[in-house]
Amino acid sequence: WWKSHATWMVPGFHIRNLYGAFFNNMLGGVGIRDYILAGRIRRAARELDQGGAPGKWANKTLIEGGDGEMVEAMLREGQVIVNGKAARELTYSDLAEMTTTMGVNAGNGRLFAESRIMSAEAEKVGGTGARAGQKMALEKVPVVRGYTKLARGAGELTENVMRTAAFVRGMKTYGTAMEARAFTMMRHCDYYDLTDWEYGFIRDLIPFYKWMRTNTPFQIHQLL
């Protein structure tokens, strides 16, 4: 509870988060074209989430959208078929699905870690526990619910765009999804690699624990 009030519920947190993520991307050579492509991928993801007829970007191929550089990088590394589909036929929604299934997005990375811990807790206590119920009760207050939705949305937007842009640069540089994922996680944290104890206790006790755990050695490496 107190961690939420010290982090994503404070407007300044989002500004600092944006600055830090942008700086780490800059160190990796992420440029404006990478952010543009990341924006198109996130737009395709939203179009799919909304359901109904596909929007402007969901079914458009990377080549049709003028983003063939990533395709050429994959072909250069022999990635003719990617996730069962020809590289030249990959669409923006395919990239959106790739970032989701690989846990590149912040929300997906946390879900992977939480599902592992929650399943273990459920076996012990036979449910999701009182903590989840308390959070739901608090968010029933209209003002709290509205602000919570806005703050979480801002945090997810920042992290997802920054992480997707890093993934794009990694794909263009290395040509494979796994190396692009490693490129991204080096700069933006992989929540899944925390131990259950770190994720369930230490991360709540120390704000920005995962960021410090990943970013401190990364910055030292950059200085050296």
C-alpha atoms as a PDB file:
ATOM      1  CA  TRP A   1       0.000   0.000   0.000  1.00  0.00           C
ATOM      2  CA  TRP A   2       2.641   2.548   1.045  1.00  0.00           C
ATOM      3  CA  LYS A   3       4.814   1.677  -1.937  1.00  0.00           C
ATOM      4  CA  SER A   4       1.985   2.656  -4.296  1.00  0.00           C
ATOM      5  CA  HIS A   5       1.770   6.078  -2.628  1.00  0.00           C
ATOM      6  CA  ALA A   6       5.536   6.490  -2.970  1.00  0.00           C
ATOM      7  CA  THR A   7       5.692   5.508  -6.630  1.00  0.00           C
ATOM      8  CA  TRP A   8       3.028   5.392  -9.343  1.00  0.00           C
ATOM      9  CA  MET A   9       0.444   7.469  -7.450  1.00  0.00           C
ATOM     10  CA  VAL A  10       2.857  10.435  -7.384  1.00  0.00           C
ATOM     11  CA  PRO A  11       3.007  12.482 -10.645  1.00  0.00           C
ATOM     12  CA  GLY A  12       6.732  13.120 -10.229  1.00  0.00           C
ATOM     13  CA  PHE A  13       7.351   9.389 -10.332  1.00  0.00           C
ATOM     14  CA  HIS A  14       6.123   9.192 -13.918  1.00  0.00           C
ATOM     15  CA  ILE A  15       8.371  12.068 -15.011  1.00  0.00           C
ATOM     16  CA  ARG A  16      11.425  10.456 -13.436  1.00  0.00           C
ATOM     17  CA  ASN A  17      10.460   7.082 -14.870  1.00  0.00           C
ATOM     18  CA  LEU A  18      10.190   8.574 -18.358  1.00  0.00           C
ATOM     19  CA  TYR A  19      13.538  10.340 -18.054  1.00  0.00           C
ATOM     20  CA  GLY A  20      15.350   7.263 -16.763  1.00  0.00           C
ATOM     21  CA  ALA A  21      13.898   4.974 -19.428  1.00  0.00           C
ATOM     22  CA  PHE A  22      14.691   7.465 -22.189  1.00  0.00           C
ATOM     23  CA  PHE A  23      18.279   7.843 -20.954  1.00  0.00           C
ATOM     24  CA  ASN A  24      18.863   4.081 -20.892  1.00  0.00           C
ATOM     25  CA  ASN A  25      17.403   3.754 -24.375  1.00  0.00           C
ATOM     26  CA  MET A  26      19.668   6.554 -25.581  1.00  0.00           C
ATOM     27  CA  LEU A  27      22.690   4.631 -24.292  1.00  0.00           C
ATOM     28  CA  GLY A  28      21.596   1.723 -26.490  1.00  0.00           C
ATOM     29  CA  GLY A  29      21.220   3.868 -29.598  1.00  0.00           C
ATOM     30  CA  VAL A  30      17.406   3.894 -29.665  1.00  0.00           C
ATOM     31  CA  GLY A  31      16.375   6.625 -32.101  1.00  0.00           C
ATOM     32  CA  ILE A  32      13.293   8.449 -33.296  1.00  0.00           C
ATOM     33  CA  ARG A  33      12.474   5.813 -35.941  1.00  0.00           C
ATOM     34  CA  ASP A  34      12.491   3.163 -33.231  1.00  0.00           C
ATOM     35  CA  TYR A  35       9.977   5.165 -31.177  1.00  0.00           C
ATOM     36  CA  ILE A  36       7.775   5.669 -34.217  1.00  0.00           C
ATOM     37  CA  LEU A  37       7.738   1.935 -34.914  1.00  0.00           C
ATOM     38  CA  ALA A  38       7.127   1.230 -31.211  1.00  0.00           C
ATOM     39  CA  GLY A  39       4.156   3.597 -31.325  1.00  0.00           C
ATOM     40  CA  ARG A  40       2.713   1.716 -34.292  1.00  0.00           C
ATOM     41  CA  ILE A  41       3.139  -1.607 -32.498  1.00  0.00           C
ATOM     42  CA  ARG A  42       1.405  -0.291 -29.375  1.00  0.00           C
ATOM     43  CA  ARG A  43      -1.369   1.157 -31.561  1.00  0.00           C
ATOM     44  CA  ALA A  44      -1.851  -2.247 -33.196  1.00  0.00           C
ATOM     45  CA  ALA A  45      -2.048  -3.815 -29.743  1.00  0.00           C
ATOM     46  CA  ARG A  46      -4.781  -1.372 -28.718  1.00  0.00           C
ATOM     47  CA  GLU A  47      -6.695  -2.040 -31.924  1.00  0.00           C
ATOM     48  CA  LEU A  48      -6.668  -5.765 -31.171  1.00  0.00           C
ATOM     49  CA  ASP A  49      -7.735  -5.180 -27.558  1.00  0.00           C
ATOM     50  CA  GLN A  50     -10.687  -3.105 -28.690  1.00  0.00           C
ATOM     51  CA  GLY A  51     -11.983  -5.971 -30.817  1.00  0.00           C
ATOM     52  CA  GLY A  52     -14.139  -5.540 -33.895  1.00  0.00           C
ATOM     53  CA  ALA A  53     -12.705  -4.782 -37.322  1.00  0.00           C
ATOM     54  CA  PRO A  54      -8.904  -4.384 -37.494  1.00  0.00           C
ATOM     55  CA  GLY A  55      -7.704  -0.783 -37.431  1.00  0.00           C
ATOM     56  CA  LYS A  56      -5.094   1.023 -39.485  1.00  0.00           C
ATOM     57  CA  TRP A  57      -2.033  -0.810 -38.159  1.00  0.00           C
ATOM     58  CA  ALA A  58      -3.142  -4.209 -36.866  1.00  0.00           C
ATOM     59  CA  ASN A  59      -3.001  -6.084 -40.193  1.00  0.00           C
ATOM     60  CA  LYS A  60      -0.502  -3.887 -42.021  1.00  0.00           C
ATOM     61  CA  THR A  61       2.857  -5.540 -42.680  1.00  0.00           C
ATOM     62  CA  LEU A  62       6.101  -3.924 -41.576  1.00  0.00           C
ATOM     63  CA  ILE A  63       7.172  -3.556 -45.200  1.00  0.00           C
ATOM     64  CA  GLU A  64       3.888  -1.854 -46.135  1.00  0.00           C
ATOM     65  CA  GLY A  65       4.377   0.554 -43.242  1.00  0.00           C
ATOM     66  CA  GLY A  66       7.899   1.481 -44.328  1.00  0.00           C
ATOM     67  CA  ASP A  67       9.590  -0.423 -41.492  1.00  0.00           C
ATOM     68  CA  GLY A  68      11.436  -2.979 -43.591  1.00  0.00           C
ATOM     69  CA  GLU A  69      14.718  -2.376 -41.740  1.00  0.00           C
ATOM     70  CA  MET A  70      13.659  -4.806 -39.016  1.00  0.00           C
ATOM     71  CA  VAL A  71      12.677  -7.402 -41.608  1.00  0.00           C
ATOM     72  CA  GLU A  72      16.040  -7.073 -43.330  1.00  0.00           C
ATOM     73  CA  ALA A  73      17.806  -7.541 -40.000  1.00  0.00           C
ATOM     74  CA  MET A  74      15.900 -10.781 -39.373  1.00  0.00           C
ATOM     75  CA  LEU A  75      16.660 -12.084 -42.851  1.00  0.00           C
ATOM     76  CA  ARG A  76      20.316 -11.190 -42.385  1.00  0.00           C
ATOM     77  CA  GLU A  77      20.411 -13.507 -39.363  1.00  0.00           C
ATOM     78  CA  GLY A  78      18.613 -16.298 -41.247  1.00  0.00           C
ATOM     79  CA  GLN A  79      15.251 -15.657 -39.575  1.00  0.00           C
ATOM     80  CA  VAL A  80      13.189 -16.371 -42.686  1.00  0.00           C
ATOM     81  CA  ILE A  81      10.322 -17.806 -40.626  1.00  0.00           C
ATOM     82  CA  VAL A  82       9.400 -16.071 -37.346  1.00  0.00           C
ATOM     83  CA  ASN A  83       6.755 -17.620 -35.091  1.00  0.00           C
ATOM     84  CA  GLY A  84       5.537 -19.744 -37.974  1.00  0.00           C
ATOM     85  CA  LYS A  85       5.193 -16.810 -40.353  1.00  0.00           C
ATOM     86  CA  ALA A  86       7.397 -15.512 -43.153  1.00  0.00           C
ATOM     87  CA  ALA A  87       9.452 -12.553 -41.947  1.00  0.00           C
ATOM     88  CA  ARG A  88       8.362 -10.432 -44.912  1.00  0.00           C
ATOM     89  CA  GLU A  89       4.716 -11.002 -43.966  1.00  0.00           C
ATOM     90  CA  LEU A  90       4.993  -9.947 -40.323  1.00  0.00           C
ATOM     91  CA  THR A  91       2.415  -7.361 -39.301  1.00  0.00           C
ATOM     92  CA  TYR A  92       2.474  -4.806 -36.509  1.00  0.00           C
ATOM     93  CA  SER A  93       0.034  -6.944 -34.552  1.00  0.00           C
ATOM     94  CA  ASP A  94       2.461  -9.876 -34.866  1.00  0.00           C
ATOM     95  CA  LEU A  95       5.120  -7.715 -33.215  1.00  0.00           C
ATOM     96  CA  ALA A  96       2.651  -6.657 -30.535  1.00  0.00           C
ATOM     97  CA  GLU A  97       1.861 -10.305 -29.793  1.00  0.00           C
ATOM     98  CA  MET A  98       5.577 -11.104 -29.736  1.00  0.00           C
ATOM     99  CA  THR A  99       6.290  -8.459 -27.096  1.00  0.00           C
ATOM    100  CA  THR A 100       3.412  -9.804 -25.027  1.00  0.00           C
ATOM    101  CA  THR A 101       4.273 -13.495 -25.166  1.00  0.00           C
ATOM    102  CA  MET A 102       7.950 -12.801 -24.470  1.00  0.00           C
ATOM    103  CA  GLY A 103       7.149 -10.691 -21.407  1.00  0.00           C
ATOM    104  CA  VAL A 104       8.759  -7.576 -22.867  1.00  0.00           C
ATOM    105  CA  ASN A 105       5.941  -5.311 -21.673  1.00  0.00           C
ATOM    106  CA  ALA A 106       6.169  -4.363 -18.019  1.00  0.00           C
ATOM    107  CA  GLY A 107       2.679  -5.638 -17.242  1.00  0.00           C
ATOM    108  CA  ASN A 108       3.343  -9.029 -18.816  1.00  0.00           C
ATOM    109  CA  GLY A 109       6.643  -9.436 -16.986  1.00  0.00           C
ATOM    110  CA  ARG A 110       4.939  -8.758 -13.668  1.00  0.00           C
ATOM    111  CA  LEU A 111       2.058 -11.078 -14.515  1.00  0.00           C
ATOM    112  CA  PHE A 112       4.491 -13.908 -15.235  1.00  0.00           C
ATOM    113  CA  ALA A 113       6.177 -13.412 -11.865  1.00  0.00           C
ATOM    114  CA  GLU A 114       2.908 -12.911  -9.974  1.00  0.00           C
ATOM    115  CA  SER A 115       1.259 -15.969 -11.517  1.00  0.00           C
ATOM    116  CA  ARG A 116       4.163 -18.066 -10.300  1.00  0.00           C
ATOM    117  CA  ILE A 117       3.905 -16.680  -6.770  1.00  0.00           C
ATOM    118  CA  MET A 118       0.098 -16.579  -6.636  1.00  0.00           C
ATOM    119  CA  SER A 119      -0.190 -20.215  -7.681  1.00  0.00           C
ATOM    120  CA  ALA A 120       2.199 -21.177  -4.900  1.00  0.00           C
ATOM    121  CA  GLU A 121       0.256 -19.086  -2.347  1.00  0.00           C
ATOM    122  CA  ALA A 122      -3.070 -20.517  -3.537  1.00  0.00           C
ATOM    123  CA  GLU A 123      -1.805 -24.006  -2.831  1.00  0.00           C
ATOM    124  CA  LYS A 124      -0.937 -22.923   0.720  1.00  0.00           C
ATOM    125  CA  VAL A 125      -3.993 -20.880   1.673  1.00  0.00           C
ATOM    126  CA  GLY A 126      -6.582 -22.067  -0.844  1.00  0.00           C
ATOM    127  CA  GLY A 127      -7.255 -18.652  -2.372  1.00  0.00           C
ATOM    128  CA  THR A 128      -5.796 -15.314  -3.420  1.00  0.00           C
ATOM    129  CA  GLY A 129      -5.502 -14.005   0.140  1.00  0.00           C
ATOM    130  CA  ALA A 130      -6.845 -10.998   2.059  1.00  0.00           C
ATOM    131  CA  ARG A 131      -4.403  -8.559   0.518  1.00  0.00           C
ATOM    132  CA  ALA A 132      -6.068  -8.731  -2.891  1.00  0.00           C
ATOM    133  CA  GLY A 133      -9.472  -8.238  -1.283  1.00  0.00           C
ATOM    134  CA  GLN A 134      -8.278  -5.115   0.555  1.00  0.00           C
ATOM    135  CA  LYS A 135      -6.983  -3.602  -2.655  1.00  0.00           C
ATOM    136  CA  MET A 136     -10.294  -4.253  -4.400  1.00  0.00           C
ATOM    137  CA  ALA A 137     -12.257  -2.692  -1.514  1.00  0.00           C
ATOM    138  CA  LEU A 138     -10.138   0.481  -1.625  1.00  0.00           C
ATOM    139  CA  GLU A 139     -10.579   0.852  -5.358  1.00  0.00           C
ATOM    140  CA  LYS A 140     -14.369   0.775  -5.000  1.00  0.00           C
ATOM    141  CA  VAL A 141     -14.188   4.411  -3.886  1.00  0.00           C
ATOM    142  CA  PRO A 142     -14.993   6.383  -7.096  1.00  0.00           C
ATOM    143  CA  VAL A 143     -12.305   9.056  -6.685  1.00  0.00           C
ATOM    144  CA  VAL A 144      -9.636   6.508  -5.806  1.00  0.00           C
ATOM    145  CA  ARG A 145     -10.707   4.234  -8.641  1.00  0.00           C
ATOM    146  CA  GLY A 146     -10.543   7.061 -11.192  1.00  0.00           C
ATOM    147  CA  TYR A 147      -7.142   8.324 -10.085  1.00  0.00           C
ATOM    148  CA  THR A 148      -5.776   4.787  -9.813  1.00  0.00           C
ATOM    149  CA  LYS A 149      -6.848   4.014 -13.377  1.00  0.00           C
ATOM    150  CA  LEU A 150      -5.267   7.231 -14.661  1.00  0.00           C
ATOM    151  CA  ALA A 151      -1.985   6.763 -12.783  1.00  0.00           C
ATOM    152  CA  ARG A 152      -1.604   3.124 -13.738  1.00  0.00           C
ATOM    153  CA  GLY A 153      -2.441   3.920 -17.348  1.00  0.00           C
ATOM    154  CA  ALA A 154       0.261   6.598 -17.462  1.00  0.00           C
ATOM    155  CA  GLY A 155       2.819   4.216 -15.992  1.00  0.00           C
ATOM    156  CA  GLU A 156       1.943   1.394 -18.379  1.00  0.00           C
ATOM    157  CA  LEU A 157       2.040   3.712 -21.393  1.00  0.00           C
ATOM    158  CA  THR A 158       5.499   4.999 -20.513  1.00  0.00           C
ATOM    159  CA  GLU A 159       6.977   1.598 -19.794  1.00  0.00           C
ATOM    160  CA  ASN A 160       5.409  -0.165 -22.749  1.00  0.00           C
ATOM    161  CA  VAL A 161       6.496   2.434 -25.297  1.00  0.00           C
ATOM    162  CA  MET A 162      10.031   2.624 -23.911  1.00  0.00           C
ATOM    163  CA  ARG A 163      10.380  -1.149 -23.678  1.00  0.00           C
ATOM    164  CA  THR A 164       8.925  -1.701 -27.130  1.00  0.00           C
ATOM    165  CA  ALA A 165      11.277   0.912 -28.613  1.00  0.00           C
ATOM    166  CA  ALA A 166      14.237  -0.884 -27.031  1.00  0.00           C
ATOM    167  CA  PHE A 167      12.943  -4.195 -28.388  1.00  0.00           C
ATOM    168  CA  VAL A 168      12.705  -2.640 -31.860  1.00  0.00           C
ATOM    169  CA  ARG A 169      16.308  -1.407 -31.673  1.00  0.00           C
ATOM    170  CA  GLY A 170      17.411  -4.825 -30.453  1.00  0.00           C
ATOM    171  CA  MET A 171      15.672  -6.523 -33.371  1.00  0.00           C
ATOM    172  CA  LYS A 172      17.249  -4.129 -35.861  1.00  0.00           C
ATOM    173  CA  THR A 173      20.689  -4.632 -34.336  1.00  0.00           C
ATOM    174  CA  TYR A 174      20.722  -8.375 -33.664  1.00  0.00           C
ATOM    175  CA  GLY A 175      17.933  -9.747 -35.865  1.00  0.00           C
ATOM    176  CA  THR A 176      16.547 -12.257 -33.350  1.00  0.00           C
ATOM    177  CA  ALA A 177      13.751 -11.910 -30.806  1.00  0.00           C
ATOM    178  CA  MET A 178      15.682 -13.468 -27.908  1.00  0.00           C
ATOM    179  CA  GLU A 179      18.632 -11.126 -28.307  1.00  0.00           C
ATOM    180  CA  ALA A 180      16.241  -8.192 -28.677  1.00  0.00           C
ATOM    181  CA  ARG A 181      14.569  -9.248 -25.434  1.00  0.00           C
ATOM    182  CA  ALA A 182      17.934  -9.409 -23.647  1.00  0.00           C
ATOM    183  CA  PHE A 183      18.783  -5.959 -25.050  1.00  0.00           C
ATOM    184  CA  THR A 184      15.509  -4.651 -23.612  1.00  0.00           C
ATOM    185  CA  MET A 185      15.740  -6.298 -20.201  1.00  0.00           C
ATOM    186  CA  MET A 186      19.289  -5.061 -19.691  1.00  0.00           C
ATOM    187  CA  ARG A 187      17.875  -1.532 -19.776  1.00  0.00           C
ATOM    188  CA  HIS A 188      14.391  -1.908 -18.351  1.00  0.00           C
ATOM    189  CA  CYS A 189      14.418  -4.810 -15.893  1.00  0.00           C
ATOM    190  CA  ASP A 190      13.140  -8.350 -16.192  1.00  0.00           C
ATOM    191  CA  TYR A 191      10.656  -8.855 -13.368  1.00  0.00           C
ATOM    192  CA  TYR A 192      10.536 -12.570 -14.038  1.00  0.00           C
ATOM    193  CA  ASP A 193      14.123 -13.148 -12.926  1.00  0.00           C
ATOM    194  CA  LEU A 194      13.385 -12.075  -9.342  1.00  0.00           C
ATOM    195  CA  THR A 195      13.164 -14.856  -6.792  1.00  0.00           C
ATOM    196  CA  ASP A 196       9.804 -15.414  -5.099  1.00  0.00           C
ATOM    197  CA  TRP A 197      11.167 -13.843  -1.905  1.00  0.00           C
ATOM    198  CA  GLU A 198      12.454 -10.765  -3.733  1.00  0.00           C
ATOM    199  CA  TYR A 199       9.225 -10.281  -5.679  1.00  0.00           C
ATOM    200  CA  GLY A 200       6.855 -11.025  -2.806  1.00  0.00           C
ATOM    201  CA  PHE A 201       8.662  -9.165   0.003  1.00  0.00           C
ATOM    202  CA  ILE A 202      11.781  -7.150  -0.838  1.00  0.00           C
ATOM    203  CA  ARG A 203      10.228  -5.457  -3.894  1.00  0.00           C
ATOM    204  CA  ASP A 204       7.372  -4.136  -1.729  1.00  0.00           C
ATOM    205  CA  LEU A 205       9.723  -3.087   1.056  1.00  0.00           C
ATOM    206  CA  ILE A 206      12.203  -1.145  -1.094  1.00  0.00           C
ATOM    207  CA  PRO A 207      10.747   1.102  -3.834  1.00  0.00           C
ATOM    208  CA  PHE A 208      12.597   0.766  -7.148  1.00  0.00           C
ATOM    209  CA  TYR A 209      14.329  -2.391  -5.875  1.00  0.00           C
ATOM    210  CA  LYS A 210      14.213  -4.129  -9.244  1.00  0.00           C
ATOM    211  CA  TRP A 211      15.318  -0.958 -11.014  1.00  0.00           C
ATOM    212  CA  MET A 212      18.325  -0.588  -8.686  1.00  0.00           C
ATOM    213  CA  ARG A 213      19.141  -4.286  -8.897  1.00  0.00           C
ATOM    214  CA  THR A 214      19.303  -4.111 -12.705  1.00  0.00           C
ATOM    215  CA  ASN A 215      20.263  -0.525 -13.423  1.00  0.00           C
ATOM    216  CA  THR A 216      23.192  -0.157 -11.005  1.00  0.00           C
ATOM    217  CA  PRO A 217      25.396  -2.801 -12.675  1.00  0.00           C
ATOM    218  CA  PHE A 218      24.229  -1.578 -16.097  1.00  0.00           C
ATOM    219  CA  GLN A 219      25.379   1.989 -15.389  1.00  0.00           C
ATOM    220  CA  ILE A 220      28.687   0.770 -13.961  1.00  0.00           C
ATOM    221  CA  HIS A 221      29.194  -1.301 -17.116  1.00  0.00           C
ATOM    222  CA  GLN A 222      28.496   1.781 -19.258  1.00  0.00           C
ATOM    223  CA  LEU A 223      31.052   3.837 -17.292  1.00  0.00           C
ATOM    224  CA  LEU A 224      33.695   1.168 -17.752  1.00  0.00           C
END
